């Protein structure tokens, strides 16, 4: 199957960034992708399958790009922000049990706003050039 040649519709797949193990200890952005890779490798959380997200995104790209769907890869920029999660501290339930920090979901305003800016920039460039989302 192929995408219609004259469609005014745009479909974009946003990649799924993995969580940051140990985000409760993060107080600032990481400074390089190498640092982000080392951090991710050092604290993988197998119960959440974060390590599989790259494979899932690769499969989606393989299936979707041939039919005209563009991929917005937010993983590299998000990997640098272990300090940007919604719940970065342990909390106590009324029962006394402790919650784990949420090291997957991101706070707003924050990193997802940068994803939106990237998407809007790509859409604007596409509109200006008269081409498909590129």
Protein backbone atom coordinates (compact mmCIF):
# COMPACT_ATOMS: atom_id res chain seq x y z
CA UNK A 1 0.00 0.00 0.00
CA UNK A 2 1.10 3.53 -0.69
CA UNK A 3 -0.04 6.91 0.58
CA UNK A 4 -2.28 8.97 -1.69
CA UNK A 5 -0.17 11.38 -3.72
CA UNK A 6 -2.41 14.42 -3.29
CA UNK A 7 -3.53 14.01 0.29
CA UNK A 8 -3.54 17.10 2.48
CA UNK A 9 -3.40 14.93 5.57
CA UNK A 10 -0.23 14.38 7.56
CA UNK A 11 0.35 11.45 9.87
CA UNK A 12 3.30 11.51 12.25
CA UNK A 13 4.54 8.76 14.55
CA UNK A 14 6.24 10.03 17.70
CA UNK A 15 8.85 7.67 19.07
CA UNK A 16 8.53 6.38 22.63
CA UNK A 17 11.33 7.61 24.85
CA UNK A 18 12.37 5.28 27.63
CA UNK A 19 12.23 6.21 31.27
CA UNK A 20 15.20 7.29 33.33
CA UNK A 21 16.20 4.86 36.06
CA UNK A 22 16.99 6.73 39.23
CA UNK A 23 15.23 9.94 38.21
CA UNK A 24 14.60 10.72 41.89
CA UNK A 25 18.32 11.54 42.11
CA UNK A 26 18.39 13.76 39.01
CA UNK A 27 18.67 17.49 39.57
CA UNK A 28 19.79 18.74 36.15
CA UNK A 29 19.78 17.73 32.48
CA UNK A 30 22.49 15.41 31.23
CA UNK A 31 25.11 17.05 29.06
CA UNK A 32 25.65 14.55 26.26
CA UNK A 33 24.05 11.57 24.50
CA UNK A 34 26.97 9.43 25.68
CA UNK A 35 26.14 10.31 29.29
CA UNK A 36 22.45 9.47 28.62
CA UNK A 37 23.34 6.06 27.14
CA UNK A 38 25.57 5.23 30.10
CA UNK A 39 22.84 6.27 32.55
CA UNK A 40 20.23 4.12 30.77
CA UNK A 41 22.52 1.08 30.59
CA UNK A 42 23.42 1.38 34.25
CA UNK A 43 19.91 1.13 35.63
CA UNK A 44 17.64 -0.68 33.22
CA UNK A 45 14.23 -1.51 34.67
CA UNK A 46 13.30 -4.82 32.99
CA UNK A 47 9.87 -4.89 34.59
CA UNK A 48 8.93 -1.84 32.48
CA UNK A 49 10.51 -3.06 29.18
CA UNK A 50 12.06 0.35 28.58
CA UNK A 51 14.88 -1.37 26.71
CA UNK A 52 12.34 -2.63 24.14
CA UNK A 53 11.10 0.85 23.18
CA UNK A 54 13.86 1.27 20.59
CA UNK A 55 12.84 -2.01 18.94
CA UNK A 56 9.16 -1.02 18.97
CA UNK A 57 9.98 2.30 17.33
CA UNK A 58 12.16 0.59 14.71
CA UNK A 59 9.29 -1.78 13.86
CA UNK A 60 6.86 1.13 13.60
CA UNK A 61 9.28 3.02 11.35
CA UNK A 62 9.69 -0.06 9.12
CA UNK A 63 5.93 -0.43 8.73
CA UNK A 64 4.88 3.21 8.53
CA UNK A 65 7.54 5.07 6.51
CA UNK A 66 6.85 3.09 3.29
CA UNK A 67 3.23 4.32 3.35
CA UNK A 68 4.18 7.96 3.87
CA UNK A 69 4.03 8.28 7.65
CA UNK A 70 6.82 10.44 9.02
CA UNK A 71 8.63 9.70 12.26
CA UNK A 72 9.26 12.38 14.85
CA UNK A 73 12.17 10.98 16.84
CA UNK A 74 12.05 12.57 20.29
CA UNK A 75 14.12 9.90 22.01
CA UNK A 76 17.55 11.63 21.77
CA UNK A 77 16.33 14.96 23.16
CA UNK A 78 14.29 13.29 25.90
CA UNK A 79 17.16 11.03 26.96
CA UNK A 80 18.99 14.13 28.19
CA UNK A 81 16.27 15.05 30.73
CA UNK A 82 16.13 12.67 33.70
CA UNK A 83 15.24 15.73 35.79
CA UNK A 84 11.92 16.39 34.01
CA UNK A 85 9.57 13.70 35.29
CA UNK A 86 6.15 14.13 36.87
CA UNK A 87 6.78 12.47 40.22
CA UNK A 88 10.43 12.32 41.11
CA UNK A 89 10.19 11.56 44.78
CA UNK A 90 8.93 8.66 46.82
CA UNK A 91 5.46 9.21 48.28
CA UNK A 92 3.70 7.40 51.07
CA UNK A 93 0.21 5.98 50.59
CA UNK A 94 -2.23 6.30 53.53
CA UNK A 95 -1.56 2.59 54.12
CA UNK A 96 2.09 3.41 54.78
CA UNK A 97 3.45 1.84 51.58
CA UNK A 98 5.90 3.88 49.52
CA UNK A 99 5.33 4.65 45.83
CA UNK A 100 8.13 4.40 43.32
CA UNK A 101 9.08 7.64 41.56
CA UNK A 102 7.49 7.93 38.10
CA UNK A 103 10.57 7.95 35.90
CA UNK A 104 8.69 7.51 32.60
CA UNK A 105 6.06 10.25 32.35
CA UNK A 106 7.21 13.82 31.84
CA UNK A 107 5.99 16.98 33.55
CA UNK A 108 4.22 19.86 31.82
CA UNK A 109 5.34 22.41 31.00
CA UNK A 110 8.52 20.72 29.91
CA UNK A 111 9.97 18.25 27.45
CA UNK A 112 6.66 17.43 25.65
CA UNK A 113 6.42 21.13 24.80
CA UNK A 114 9.76 20.81 23.00
CA UNK A 115 8.32 17.85 21.07
CA UNK A 116 5.40 20.06 20.00
CA UNK A 117 7.75 22.85 18.93
CA UNK A 118 9.74 20.37 16.84
CA UNK A 119 6.56 19.07 15.22
CA UNK A 120 5.28 22.57 14.45
CA UNK A 121 8.66 23.51 12.98
CA UNK A 122 8.59 20.49 10.69
CA UNK A 123 5.00 21.20 9.66
CA UNK A 124 5.88 24.84 8.94
CA UNK A 125 8.87 23.86 6.82
CA UNK A 126 6.67 21.40 4.95
CA UNK A 127 4.00 24.05 4.31
CA UNK A 128 6.58 26.60 3.15
CA UNK A 129 8.17 24.22 0.68
CA UNK A 130 4.89 22.71 -0.52
CA UNK A 131 6.21 19.23 0.23
CA UNK A 132 5.18 16.43 2.49
CA UNK A 133 6.31 16.50 6.09
CA UNK A 134 10.06 16.09 5.95
